[in-house]
Amino acid sequence: MSQALHPMLNIAIKAARAAGSIINRAALDLDVLKVGTKGPNDFVSEVDRRAEEVIIQTVLEAYPGHGILAEESGREHGARDSEYVWIIDPLDGTTNFLHGFPVYAVSIALAYRGQVQQAVVYDPTRNDLFFASKGRGAFLNDRRLRVSKRTRLSDALIGTGFPFRKGDNFKRYVKMFEEVMQSCAGLRRPGAAALDLCYVAAGYYDGFFETGLQPWDAAAGSLIITEAGGLIGNFTGESDYLYQREVVAGNPKVYGQLVQILAPYTRVIKEEPAADSTAAPQAAAPDATQAFVQSAAEPPARVALRVRKAVTPGEDDAPM
């Protein structure tokens, strides 16, 4: 990479590449992997854990006073009261990885006071590195990224992710899917949301939507999209998407048209009653990420439809 990078971004890249090396080695012999489940259709492998460990080790060696929010270990590591929080998904697309389907990635974001400042999504199968620093643009390797210029949803290629966990509202998702499918040029579902968001930033997709995402699925991709000139929010176009488990993203024109379709389906997961009293509750925001909780606070039940940027590059830059 020819451009000078922020020191914290360099650490994120170093950590992502180290995790990618673990993933690539394990991909050579998938049959010997130990695989467990966190829930129905929700797999975790020893590779997820090893990749997460090396990311956390790399980060905390450089910044021991920072906080960690990771998919497998949660808030177990790092400082709980730090204004800096690293949001880590060591292997987004585990099911793809376990089947040898080469669509998965490492996702690392650094938030300062609830605002994502640095982001890396690394695709180890293609050695593709998507990265962004707030206010400095988004890149794929050495190429500057810009969202697509398509203006009509009817011409747009849209990415999505199918619901697969117990408690997800499948019936309403099918209705959403049907509406979007009939309005666009095509729908794709590769199965790794972090990469899907980067594909919007790169202009491969014109838009993307999914329900059921966790903060570590979307944090890095959200900055990469906005730094590439795109928009990201929840289904009503608001910026409180990280903990609302719904995301819509796209170039500005397509984003607005997707919001118009998806707004009636907002909070689809919360509206679905649990199948039984023993069902696990939805993940709550960790105590040490109150800045995210504030930005993700629920609006009133009836909200006016507004389409706006979740994050505007250059605003609220932290003194990093």
Protein backbone atom coordinates (compact mmCIF):
# COMPACT_ATOMS: atom_id res chain seq x y z
CA MET A 1 0.00 0.00 0.00
CA SER A 2 1.45 3.29 -1.12
CA GLN A 3 -0.50 5.69 1.10
CA ALA A 4 0.46 6.49 4.68
CA LEU A 5 -1.97 4.82 7.09
CA HIS A 6 -3.09 5.72 10.58
CA PRO A 7 -1.09 3.76 13.21
CA MET A 8 -4.25 2.18 14.63
CA LEU A 9 -5.33 1.15 11.14
CA ASN A 10 -1.93 -0.46 10.63
CA ILE A 11 -2.48 -2.54 13.76
CA ALA A 12 -5.92 -3.59 12.51
CA ILE A 13 -4.39 -4.65 9.19
CA LYS A 14 -1.61 -6.57 10.94
CA ALA A 15 -4.18 -8.37 13.10
CA ALA A 16 -6.47 -9.13 10.14
CA ARG A 17 -3.64 -10.62 8.10
CA ALA A 18 -2.50 -12.76 11.03
CA ALA A 19 -6.03 -14.10 11.42
CA GLY A 20 -6.24 -14.65 7.68
CA SER A 21 -3.11 -16.81 7.76
CA ILE A 22 -4.70 -19.04 10.40
CA ILE A 23 -7.87 -19.31 8.34
CA ASN A 24 -6.04 -20.12 5.11
CA ARG A 25 -3.98 -22.86 6.77
CA ALA A 26 -7.08 -24.43 8.29
CA ALA A 27 -8.89 -24.29 4.94
CA LEU A 28 -6.39 -26.81 3.56
CA ASP A 29 -7.72 -29.56 5.85
CA LEU A 30 -11.30 -28.82 6.87
CA ASP A 31 -12.05 -32.43 7.80
CA VAL A 32 -10.00 -32.29 11.00
CA LEU A 33 -11.57 -29.13 12.38
CA LYS A 34 -13.49 -29.22 15.64
CA VAL A 35 -16.85 -27.56 15.15
CA GLY A 36 -19.46 -26.61 17.72
CA THR A 37 -22.75 -24.73 17.62
CA LYS A 38 -23.95 -21.57 19.35
CA GLY A 39 -27.51 -22.28 18.26
CA PRO A 40 -29.46 -23.81 15.36
CA ASN A 41 -27.49 -23.24 12.13
CA ASP A 42 -25.03 -21.03 14.04
CA PHE A 43 -21.61 -22.67 13.94
CA VAL A 44 -18.31 -21.90 15.62
CA SER A 45 -15.02 -23.64 14.89
CA GLU A 46 -11.66 -23.77 16.57
CA VAL A 47 -10.49 -21.55 13.71
CA ASP A 48 -12.89 -18.79 14.79
CA ARG A 49 -11.43 -18.94 18.28
CA ARG A 50 -7.78 -19.09 17.21
CA ALA A 51 -8.25 -16.22 14.76
CA GLU A 52 -9.96 -14.14 17.43
CA GLU A 53 -7.17 -14.84 19.90
CA VAL A 54 -4.45 -13.64 17.54
CA ILE A 55 -6.43 -10.49 16.70
CA ILE A 56 -6.95 -9.63 20.36
CA GLN A 57 -3.32 -10.39 21.19
CA THR A 58 -2.08 -8.14 18.37
CA VAL A 59 -4.39 -5.30 19.36
CA LEU A 60 -3.70 -5.40 23.09
CA GLU A 61 0.06 -5.64 22.60
CA ALA A 62 -0.13 -2.29 20.82
CA TYR A 63 -2.95 -0.71 22.85
CA PRO A 64 -3.30 -2.48 26.23
CA GLY A 65 -5.70 0.16 27.55
CA HIS A 66 -8.29 -0.32 24.82
CA GLY A 67 -11.55 -2.24 25.06
CA ILE A 68 -12.55 -5.31 23.08
CA LEU A 69 -15.94 -6.44 21.80
CA ALA A 70 -15.48 -9.75 19.97
CA GLU A 71 -17.94 -12.26 18.57
CA GLU A 72 -16.68 -15.32 20.45
CA SER A 73 -15.35 -13.82 23.71
CA GLY A 74 -17.52 -10.72 24.04
CA ARG A 75 -16.06 -8.26 26.58
CA GLU A 76 -13.80 -10.79 28.30
CA HIS A 77 -10.58 -9.09 27.16
CA GLY A 78 -9.34 -5.52 27.24
CA ALA A 79 -10.32 -2.54 29.37
CA ARG A 80 -13.99 -2.19 30.17
CA ASP A 81 -13.98 1.57 30.63
CA SER A 82 -11.97 2.64 27.59
CA GLU A 83 -13.34 5.11 25.08
CA TYR A 84 -11.64 3.02 22.40
CA VAL A 85 -13.38 -0.27 21.57
CA TRP A 86 -12.20 -2.77 18.97
CA ILE A 87 -15.16 -4.61 17.41
CA ILE A 88 -14.02 -7.95 16.04
CA ASP A 89 -15.50 -10.72 13.91
CA PRO A 90 -12.63 -13.18 13.41
CA LEU A 91 -14.40 -15.20 10.71
CA ASP A 92 -17.54 -13.79 9.15
CA GLY A 93 -19.07 -16.54 7.03
CA THR A 94 -18.15 -19.54 9.18
CA THR A 95 -20.71 -21.79 7.47
CA ASN A 96 -19.22 -20.96 4.08
CA PHE A 97 -15.73 -21.65 5.42
CA LEU A 98 -16.72 -25.04 6.87
CA HIS A 99 -18.12 -26.11 3.50
CA GLY A 100 -15.13 -24.87 1.52
CA PHE A 101 -17.20 -22.13 -0.12
CA PRO A 102 -14.65 -19.31 -0.52
CA VAL A 103 -16.70 -16.35 0.69
CA TYR A 104 -15.69 -15.33 4.21
CA ALA A 105 -13.66 -12.59 5.84
CA VAL A 106 -12.03 -11.10 8.92
CA SER A 107 -13.72 -7.91 10.14
CA ILE A 108 -12.09 -5.45 12.57
CA ALA A 109 -13.33 -1.97 13.51
CA LEU A 110 -12.08 0.54 16.05
CA ALA A 111 -14.66 2.85 17.60
CA TYR A 112 -13.88 5.96 19.64
CA ARG A 113 -16.74 7.22 21.79
CA GLY A 114 -19.18 5.18 19.78
CA GLN A 115 -18.02 6.36 16.35
CA VAL A 116 -16.16 3.94 14.09
CA GLN A 117 -12.83 5.53 13.18
CA GLN A 118 -10.83 2.69 11.61
CA ALA A 119 -12.03 -0.35 9.67
CA VAL A 120 -10.57 -3.40 8.00
CA VAL A 121 -12.27 -6.28 6.22
CA TYR A 122 -9.83 -8.89 4.92
CA ASP A 123 -10.77 -11.62 2.43
CA PRO A 124 -8.04 -14.24 2.89
CA THR A 125 -9.09 -16.35 -0.10
CA ARG A 126 -8.41 -13.50 -2.54
CA ASN A 127 -5.92 -11.53 -0.43
CA ASP A 128 -8.27 -8.57 -0.76
CA LEU A 129 -7.92 -5.91 1.92
CA PHE A 130 -10.75 -3.41 2.31
CA PHE A 131 -9.93 -0.60 4.73
CA ALA A 132 -10.89 2.92 5.74
CA SER A 133 -10.01 5.69 8.18
CA LYS A 134 -12.69 8.22 9.01
CA GLY A 135 -12.36 11.24 6.75
CA ARG A 136 -9.62 9.66 4.63
CA GLY A 137 -11.59 7.55 2.15
CA ALA A 138 -12.04 3.82 1.62
CA PHE A 139 -9.74 1.51 -0.30
CA LEU A 140 -9.43 -1.99 -1.71
CA ASN A 141 -5.72 -2.70 -1.63
CA ASP A 142 -4.32 0.37 -3.46
CA ARG A 143 -7.56 1.33 -5.22
CA ARG A 144 -9.84 4.09 -3.93
CA LEU A 145 -13.41 2.88 -3.57
CA ARG A 146 -16.56 4.66 -4.69
CA VAL A 147 -20.12 3.39 -4.61
CA SER A 148 -21.92 2.79 -7.89
CA LYS A 149 -23.67 5.55 -9.81
CA ARG A 150 -26.86 3.70 -10.68
CA THR A 151 -29.91 5.74 -9.86
CA ARG A 152 -32.79 3.34 -10.46
CA LEU A 153 -33.56 0.37 -8.26
CA SER A 154 -34.84 -1.45 -11.32
CA ASP A 155 -31.26 -1.47 -12.67
CA ALA A 156 -29.63 -2.33 -9.35
CA LEU A 157 -27.95 -5.48 -8.09
CA ILE A 158 -28.79 -5.94 -4.42
CA GLY A 159 -27.13 -8.12 -1.80
CA THR A 160 -28.96 -9.66 1.13
CA GLY A 161 -28.64 -12.25 3.88
CA PHE A 162 -31.24 -14.86 4.75
CA PRO A 163 -32.44 -15.20 8.37
CA PHE A 164 -31.27 -18.48 9.87
CA ARG A 165 -31.47 -18.25 13.66
CA LYS A 166 -34.32 -19.36 15.86
CA GLY A 167 -36.57 -16.38 16.51
CA ASP A 168 -35.91 -14.71 13.14
CA ASN A 169 -39.11 -13.73 11.38
CA PHE A 170 -38.98 -15.83 8.22
CA LYS A 171 -42.43 -15.02 6.92
CA ARG A 172 -41.91 -11.28 6.99
CA TYR A 173 -38.47 -11.68 5.48
CA VAL A 174 -40.00 -13.55 2.56
CA LYS A 175 -42.35 -10.60 2.01
CA MET A 176 -39.40 -8.21 2.05
CA PHE A 177 -37.47 -10.47 -0.30
CA GLU A 178 -40.40 -10.63 -2.69
CA GLU A 179 -40.84 -6.86 -2.79
CA VAL A 180 -37.18 -6.10 -3.34
CA MET A 181 -36.73 -8.93 -5.84
CA GLN A 182 -39.57 -7.63 -8.00
CA SER A 183 -38.15 -4.09 -7.88
CA CYS A 184 -34.48 -4.68 -8.72
CA ALA A 185 -32.35 -6.27 -11.41
CA GLY A 186 -31.13 -9.12 -9.21
CA LEU A 187 -30.58 -10.35 -5.65
CA ARG A 188 -27.49 -12.14 -4.32
CA ARG A 189 -26.82 -13.93 -1.01
CA PRO A 190 -23.17 -15.05 -0.68
CA GLY A 191 -23.35 -15.41 3.13
CA ALA A 192 -20.78 -13.02 4.63
CA ALA A 193 -22.26 -9.65 5.59
CA ALA A 194 -18.90 -7.94 6.17
CA LEU A 195 -17.93 -8.66 2.57
CA ASP A 196 -21.41 -7.73 1.31
CA LEU A 197 -21.02 -4.26 2.80
CA CYS A 198 -17.59 -3.88 1.20
CA TYR A 199 -19.09 -4.92 -2.12
CA VAL A 200 -21.51 -2.00 -1.83
CA ALA A 201 -18.55 0.31 -1.18
CA ALA A 202 -16.73 -1.10 -4.21
CA GLY A 203 -19.77 -0.67 -6.46
CA TYR A 204 -20.21 -4.41 -7.08
CA TYR A 205 -23.61 -4.14 -5.41
CA ASP A 206 -25.79 -1.08 -5.62
CA GLY A 207 -27.44 -1.85 -2.29
CA PHE A 208 -27.72 -4.36 0.55
CA PHE A 209 -30.15 -5.26 3.32
CA GLU A 210 -30.25 -7.84 6.09
CA THR A 211 -31.87 -8.55 9.42
CA GLY A 212 -30.31 -10.27 12.41
CA LEU A 213 -26.85 -8.72 12.18
CA GLN A 214 -24.71 -8.11 15.25
CA PRO A 215 -22.40 -5.09 15.75
CA TRP A 216 -19.30 -7.05 14.73
CA ASP A 217 -20.96 -8.00 11.43
CA ALA A 218 -21.55 -4.40 10.36
CA ALA A 219 -19.17 -2.06 12.21
CA ALA A 220 -16.19 -2.20 9.86
CA GLY A 221 -18.27 -2.32 6.70
CA SER A 222 -20.31 0.69 7.79
CA LEU A 223 -17.29 3.00 7.77
CA ILE A 224 -15.98 1.57 4.51
CA ILE A 225 -19.36 2.30 2.88
CA THR A 226 -19.67 5.87 4.12
CA GLU A 227 -16.07 6.64 3.21
CA ALA A 228 -16.86 5.38 -0.30
CA GLY A 229 -19.77 7.82 -0.56
CA GLY A 230 -22.57 5.46 0.39
CA LEU A 231 -25.26 5.47 3.06
CA ILE A 232 -26.09 2.95 5.78
CA GLY A 233 -28.85 2.87 8.38
CA ASN A 234 -31.77 0.89 9.70
CA PHE A 235 -34.90 0.16 7.70
CA THR A 236 -36.38 3.61 8.40
CA GLY A 237 -33.23 5.39 7.31
CA GLU A 238 -32.06 6.22 10.84
CA SER A 239 -28.52 5.79 12.09
CA ASP A 240 -29.29 3.43 14.99
CA TYR A 241 -28.57 0.20 13.15
CA LEU A 242 -25.69 -1.40 15.09
CA TYR A 243 -27.94 -2.79 17.83
CA GLN A 244 -31.24 -2.85 15.95
CA ARG A 245 -30.35 -6.04 14.04
CA GLU A 246 -31.38 -4.55 10.71
CA VAL A 247 -29.22 -2.86 8.10
CA VAL A 248 -29.82 -1.26 4.74
CA ALA A 249 -26.99 0.25 2.70
CA GLY A 250 -26.36 1.49 -0.79
CA ASN A 251 -25.40 4.34 -3.02
CA PRO A 252 -27.50 7.39 -2.11
CA LYS A 253 -30.16 6.94 -4.80
CA VAL A 254 -30.65 3.20 -4.36
CA TYR A 255 -30.49 3.49 -0.56
CA GLY A 256 -33.43 5.88 -0.57
CA GLN A 257 -35.51 3.56 -2.74
CA LEU A 258 -34.68 0.55 -0.56
CA VAL A 259 -35.70 2.45 2.58
CA GLN A 260 -39.07 3.21 1.02
CA ILE A 261 -39.65 -0.53 0.52
CA LEU A 262 -38.18 -1.74 3.81
CA ALA A 263 -39.51 0.87 6.26
CA PRO A 264 -42.79 -1.04 6.91
CA TYR A 265 -40.71 -4.06 7.98
CA THR A 266 -38.59 -2.32 10.60
CA ARG A 267 -37.99 -4.19 13.88
CA VAL A 268 -39.10 -7.47 12.29
CA ILE A 269 -37.07 -9.53 14.76
CA LYS A 270 -38.42 -7.76 17.84
CA GLU A 271 -41.98 -8.18 16.60
CA GLU A 272 -41.60 -11.95 16.32
CA PRO A 273 -42.55 -13.65 19.64
CA ALA A 274 -40.16 -16.22 21.04
CA ALA A 275 -41.04 -19.78 20.18
CA ASP A 276 -40.88 -20.83 23.83
CA SER A 277 -39.99 -19.44 27.23
CA THR A 278 -36.51 -20.95 27.15
CA ALA A 279 -35.46 -19.13 23.99
CA ALA A 280 -32.35 -17.03 24.47
CA PRO A 281 -32.98 -13.30 24.74
CA GLN A 282 -31.59 -10.97 22.15
CA ALA A 283 -28.03 -9.87 22.78
CA ALA A 284 -27.90 -6.73 24.83
CA ALA A 285 -25.38 -4.00 24.30
CA PRO A 286 -22.30 -4.52 26.51
CA ASP A 287 -21.90 -2.21 29.51
CA ALA A 288 -18.62 -0.76 28.26
CA THR A 289 -20.06 0.29 24.91
CA GLN A 290 -22.61 2.77 26.21
CA ALA A 291 -21.78 5.16 23.39
CA PHE A 292 -23.17 2.57 21.00
CA VAL A 293 -26.21 2.09 23.20
CA GLN A 294 -26.93 5.80 23.04
CA SER A 295 -26.66 5.87 19.27
CA ALA A 296 -28.79 2.73 19.04
CA ALA A 297 -31.55 3.80 21.40
CA GLU A 298 -34.99 2.92 20.11
CA PRO A 299 -37.05 5.76 18.62
CA PRO A 300 -40.77 6.07 19.39
CA ALA A 301 -43.01 3.36 17.98
CA ARG A 302 -44.17 5.62 15.15
CA VAL A 303 -41.39 7.56 13.49
CA ALA A 304 -41.37 9.84 10.48
CA LEU A 305 -39.56 8.32 7.54
CA ARG A 306 -36.23 10.05 7.05
CA VAL A 307 -33.41 9.09 4.73
CA ARG A 308 -30.03 10.28 5.91
CA LYS A 309 -26.42 9.28 6.29
CA ALA A 310 -25.51 7.22 9.31
CA VAL A 311 -22.04 8.75 9.39
CA THR A 312 -20.74 11.64 7.34
CA PRO A 313 -17.02 11.40 6.58
CA GLY A 314 -15.14 14.13 8.36
CA GLU A 315 -17.71 14.76 11.11
CA ASP A 316 -16.86 14.34 14.76
CA ASP A 317 -13.32 13.21 14.06
CA ALA A 318 -11.68 11.93 17.20
CA PRO A 319 -8.28 13.18 18.31
CA MET A 320 -6.51 9.98 17.36
